[in-house]
N, C-alpha and C. Protein backbone atom coordinates (compact mmCIF):
# COMPACT_ATOMS: atom_id res chain seq x y z
N MET A 1 21.26 -14.24 4.90
CA MET A 1 21.20 -13.87 3.83
C MET A 1 21.94 -15.37 2.90
N VAL A 2 22.08 -15.73 1.65
CA VAL A 2 22.90 -17.15 1.26
C VAL A 2 23.56 -16.43 -0.18
N ASN A 3 24.60 -16.69 -0.38
CA ASN A 3 25.35 -16.69 -1.23
C ASN A 3 25.39 -17.98 -2.01
N LEU A 4 25.01 -17.89 -3.71
CA LEU A 4 25.00 -18.53 -4.71
C LEU A 4 26.42 -18.06 -5.36
N GLN A 5 26.67 -19.49 -6.21
CA GLN A 5 27.51 -19.14 -7.30
C GLN A 5 26.98 -19.78 -8.01
N ILE A 6 26.56 -19.12 -9.35
CA ILE A 6 25.97 -19.66 -10.70
C ILE A 6 26.92 -20.14 -11.73
N SER A 7 26.51 -20.84 -12.63
CA SER A 7 27.16 -20.74 -13.85
C SER A 7 26.32 -20.67 -15.42
N ILE A 8 27.44 -19.30 -15.91
CA ILE A 8 26.08 -19.18 -17.51
C ILE A 8 27.01 -19.09 -18.28
N PRO A 9 26.22 -18.90 -19.29
CA PRO A 9 27.20 -18.89 -20.72
C PRO A 9 27.49 -17.32 -20.92
N GLU A 10 29.01 -17.33 -21.08
CA GLU A 10 29.68 -15.93 -21.11
C GLU A 10 28.45 -14.63 -21.70
N ASP A 11 27.93 -14.89 -23.07
CA ASP A 11 27.46 -13.48 -24.07
C ASP A 11 25.93 -14.07 -23.00
N LEU A 12 25.48 -15.06 -22.36
CA LEU A 12 24.39 -14.51 -21.27
C LEU A 12 24.40 -13.49 -20.68
N ALA A 13 25.44 -14.20 -19.74
CA ALA A 13 26.46 -12.71 -18.29
C ALA A 13 26.80 -11.78 -18.84
N LEU A 14 27.23 -11.52 -20.03
CA LEU A 14 27.84 -10.24 -20.25
C LEU A 14 26.19 -8.78 -20.97
N ASP A 15 25.27 -10.09 -21.51
CA ASP A 15 23.96 -9.05 -21.73
C ASP A 15 23.25 -8.97 -20.41
N VAL A 16 23.37 -9.62 -19.61
CA VAL A 16 22.70 -9.73 -18.26
C VAL A 16 23.15 -8.22 -17.08
N GLU A 17 24.63 -8.18 -17.78
CA GLU A 17 25.05 -7.47 -16.33
C GLU A 17 25.15 -6.34 -17.33
N HIS A 18 25.03 -6.32 -18.56
CA HIS A 18 24.71 -4.49 -19.42
C HIS A 18 23.60 -4.36 -18.89
N LEU A 19 22.53 -5.28 -19.08
CA LEU A 19 21.20 -4.73 -18.27
C LEU A 19 21.05 -4.16 -16.99
N GLY A 20 21.75 -4.59 -16.18
CA GLY A 20 22.21 -4.43 -14.35
C GLY A 20 21.31 -5.19 -14.30
N LEU A 21 20.86 -6.74 -14.88
CA LEU A 21 20.72 -7.58 -13.99
C LEU A 21 20.99 -8.39 -12.73
N LEU A 22 21.91 -8.33 -12.65
CA LEU A 22 23.45 -8.90 -11.96
C LEU A 22 23.37 -8.66 -10.82
N LYS A 23 22.26 -7.46 -10.65
CA LYS A 23 22.43 -6.76 -8.59
C LYS A 23 21.50 -7.86 -8.09
N PRO A 24 21.96 -7.72 -6.75
CA PRO A 24 21.37 -8.81 -6.42
C PRO A 24 20.08 -8.37 -5.77
N GLU A 25 19.41 -7.25 -5.55
CA GLU A 25 18.26 -6.85 -5.45
C GLU A 25 17.34 -7.18 -6.61
N THR A 26 17.82 -7.45 -7.59
CA THR A 26 17.36 -7.40 -9.11
C THR A 26 16.87 -9.09 -9.17
N ILE A 27 17.89 -9.83 -9.20
CA ILE A 27 17.79 -11.21 -9.15
C ILE A 27 17.06 -11.84 -7.87
N THR A 28 16.51 -11.12 -6.90
CA THR A 28 16.40 -11.58 -5.62
C THR A 28 14.81 -11.73 -6.37
N GLU A 29 14.39 -10.18 -6.43
CA GLU A 29 12.84 -9.83 -7.00
C GLU A 29 12.44 -11.18 -8.33
N ILE A 30 13.32 -11.35 -9.41
CA ILE A 30 13.43 -11.82 -10.59
C ILE A 30 13.02 -13.31 -9.98
N LEU A 31 13.49 -13.69 -8.78
CA LEU A 31 13.24 -15.32 -8.13
C LEU A 31 12.11 -15.29 -7.06
N ARG A 32 11.87 -14.46 -6.66
CA ARG A 32 10.63 -13.95 -6.27
C ARG A 32 9.29 -14.07 -6.87
N GLU A 33 9.50 -13.65 -8.32
CA GLU A 33 8.22 -13.43 -9.04
C GLU A 33 8.24 -14.85 -9.53
N GLU A 34 9.07 -15.67 -9.65
CA GLU A 34 9.22 -16.88 -10.74
C GLU A 34 8.39 -17.70 -9.33
N VAL A 35 8.79 -17.41 -8.26
CA VAL A 35 8.33 -18.52 -7.06
C VAL A 35 6.77 -18.03 -7.36
N ARG A 36 6.37 -17.01 -6.87
CA ARG A 36 4.74 -16.93 -7.17
C ARG A 36 3.55 -17.26 -8.24
N LYS A 37 4.64 -16.97 -9.63
CA LYS A 37 4.44 -17.73 -10.54
C LYS A 37 4.04 -19.07 -11.09
N LEU A 38 5.21 -19.91 -10.12
CA LEU A 38 5.44 -21.46 -10.15
C LEU A 38 3.79 -21.57 -8.97
N ALA A 39 4.00 -21.06 -7.94
CA ALA A 39 2.61 -21.00 -6.72
C ALA A 39 1.41 -21.06 -7.88
N LEU A 40 0.79 -19.83 -8.30
CA LEU A 40 -0.56 -19.63 -9.33
C LEU A 40 -0.28 -21.23 -10.21
N GLU A 41 0.52 -21.46 -11.03
CA GLU A 41 0.53 -21.95 -11.94
C GLU A 41 -0.01 -23.87 -10.98
N HIS A 42 0.57 -24.27 -9.83
CA HIS A 42 0.48 -24.85 -9.42
C HIS A 42 -1.17 -25.01 -8.41
N LEU A 43 -1.34 -24.14 -8.40
CA LEU A 43 -2.69 -23.40 -7.42
C LEU A 43 -4.14 -24.37 -8.90
N LEU A 44 -3.33 -23.57 -10.05
CA LEU A 44 -4.41 -23.75 -10.85
C LEU A 44 -4.38 -25.04 -11.58
N SER A 45 -3.16 -25.78 -11.51
CA SER A 45 -3.15 -27.54 -11.91
C SER A 45 -4.43 -28.19 -11.10
N ILE A 46 -4.24 -27.67 -9.65
CA ILE A 46 -5.43 -28.44 -8.78
C ILE A 46 -6.61 -27.96 -8.71
N ALA A 47 -6.68 -26.99 -8.94
CA ALA A 47 -8.24 -26.47 -8.88
C ALA A 47 -9.13 -27.50 -9.36
N PRO A 48 -8.91 -28.36 -10.43
CA PRO A 48 -9.94 -29.10 -11.00
C PRO A 48 -10.07 -29.74 -10.23
N LYS A 49 -9.09 -30.49 -9.78
CA LYS A 49 -9.21 -31.78 -8.51
C LYS A 49 -9.63 -31.44 -7.66
N LEU A 50 -9.52 -29.83 -6.70
CA LEU A 50 -10.64 -29.33 -5.76
C LEU A 50 -11.98 -29.36 -5.84
N ALA A 51 -12.19 -28.73 -7.23
CA ALA A 51 -13.83 -28.68 -7.59
C ALA A 51 -14.29 -30.21 -7.57
N ALA A 52 -14.31 -31.14 -8.31
CA ALA A 52 -14.64 -32.08 -8.30
C ALA A 52 -14.28 -33.11 -6.93
N THR A 53 -14.13 -32.76 -6.01
CA THR A 53 -14.12 -33.30 -4.99
C THR A 53 -15.88 -33.27 -4.11
N GLY A 54 -16.53 -32.32 -4.56
CA GLY A 54 -17.69 -31.58 -3.75
C GLY A 54 -17.77 -31.23 -2.73
N ASP A 55 -16.80 -31.09 -2.45
CA ASP A 55 -16.63 -30.21 -0.92
C ASP A 55 -17.05 -28.74 -0.77
N VAL A 56 -17.99 -28.37 -0.43
CA VAL A 56 -18.22 -26.74 -0.39
C VAL A 56 -17.54 -26.51 0.81
N PRO A 57 -16.31 -25.04 0.49
CA PRO A 57 -15.58 -24.18 1.20
C PRO A 57 -16.26 -23.72 2.04
N MET A 58 -15.97 -23.91 3.38
CA MET A 58 -16.13 -23.09 4.27
C MET A 58 -16.42 -21.72 3.97
N SER A 59 -17.44 -21.31 5.00
CA SER A 59 -17.94 -19.51 4.98
C SER A 59 -16.89 -19.00 5.88
N ALA A 60 -16.24 -17.15 5.84
CA ALA A 60 -15.76 -16.67 6.79
C ALA A 60 -16.35 -17.10 7.97
N GLU A 61 -17.71 -16.83 8.19
CA GLU A 61 -18.39 -17.11 9.76
C GLU A 61 -17.60 -18.73 10.38
N GLU A 62 -17.70 -19.83 9.21
CA GLU A 62 -17.17 -21.21 9.67
C GLU A 62 -15.93 -21.13 10.16
N ILE A 63 -15.05 -20.72 9.58
CA ILE A 63 -13.59 -20.45 10.26
C ILE A 63 -13.56 -19.81 11.41
N GLN A 64 -14.08 -18.90 11.42
CA GLN A 64 -13.56 -17.89 12.94
C GLN A 64 -14.39 -19.12 13.98
N GLU A 65 -15.20 -19.40 13.44
CA GLU A 65 -15.56 -20.78 14.93
C GLU A 65 -14.28 -22.06 15.02
N GLU A 66 -14.22 -22.47 13.80
CA GLU A 66 -13.85 -23.02 13.67
C GLU A 66 -11.51 -22.72 15.09
N ILE A 67 -11.54 -21.31 14.64
CA ILE A 67 -10.48 -21.08 15.22
C ILE A 67 -10.39 -20.70 16.61
N ARG A 68 -11.95 -20.54 16.92
CA ARG A 68 -12.71 -19.86 18.47
C ARG A 68 -12.75 -21.20 18.95
N ALA A 69 -13.04 -22.58 18.34
CA ALA A 69 -12.91 -23.50 18.86
C ALA A 69 -11.58 -24.09 19.31
N ALA A 70 -10.97 -24.03 18.64
CA ALA A 70 -8.86 -24.34 18.45
C ALA A 70 -8.67 -23.84 19.64
N ARG A 71 -8.78 -22.96 20.17
CA ARG A 71 -8.37 -21.75 20.74
C ARG A 71 -9.13 -22.26 22.22
N SER A 72 -9.88 -22.23 21.92
CA SER A 72 -10.92 -22.62 23.29
C SER A 72 -10.14 -23.85 23.49
N ASP A 73 -9.66 -24.91 23.11
CA ASP A 73 -9.22 -26.34 23.58
C ASP A 73 -7.85 -26.15 23.77
N GLN A 74 -7.30 -24.90 23.40
CA GLN A 74 -5.78 -24.75 23.62
C GLN A 74 -5.92 -24.61 25.29
N HIS A 75 -6.79 -23.50 25.44
CA HIS A 75 -6.79 -22.50 26.65
C HIS A 75 -7.13 -23.88 27.83
N ALA A 76 -8.36 -24.79 27.48
CA ALA A 76 -8.83 -25.10 28.49
C ALA A 76 -8.12 -26.26 29.38
N PRO A 77 -8.47 -26.22 30.79
CA PRO A 77 -6.90 -27.60 31.42
C PRO A 77 -7.42 -28.42 31.47
N ARG A 78 -5.76 -29.39 31.89
CA ARG A 78 -5.39 -30.71 30.99
C ARG A 78 -6.03 -31.47 32.13
N SER A 79 -6.65 -32.43 31.83
CA SER A 79 -6.72 -33.41 33.22
C SER A 79 -5.92 -34.51 32.87
């Protein structure tokens, strides 16, 4: 756990305290939701660039084959 200390305007502090938003679990959930939101926004912002590359996404079967090959390489004797 990390302890944070923040400075916010007094009127905002009173409002959020009254609403029960200063509880650690509530703040944690608010921050997690914001992280998810920002990650989605980032993904959506780069989607056009990814589509413009013309690369075809790998199928689940191709991904599985790559995983098998990588694992096989890891377990192969080294010379």
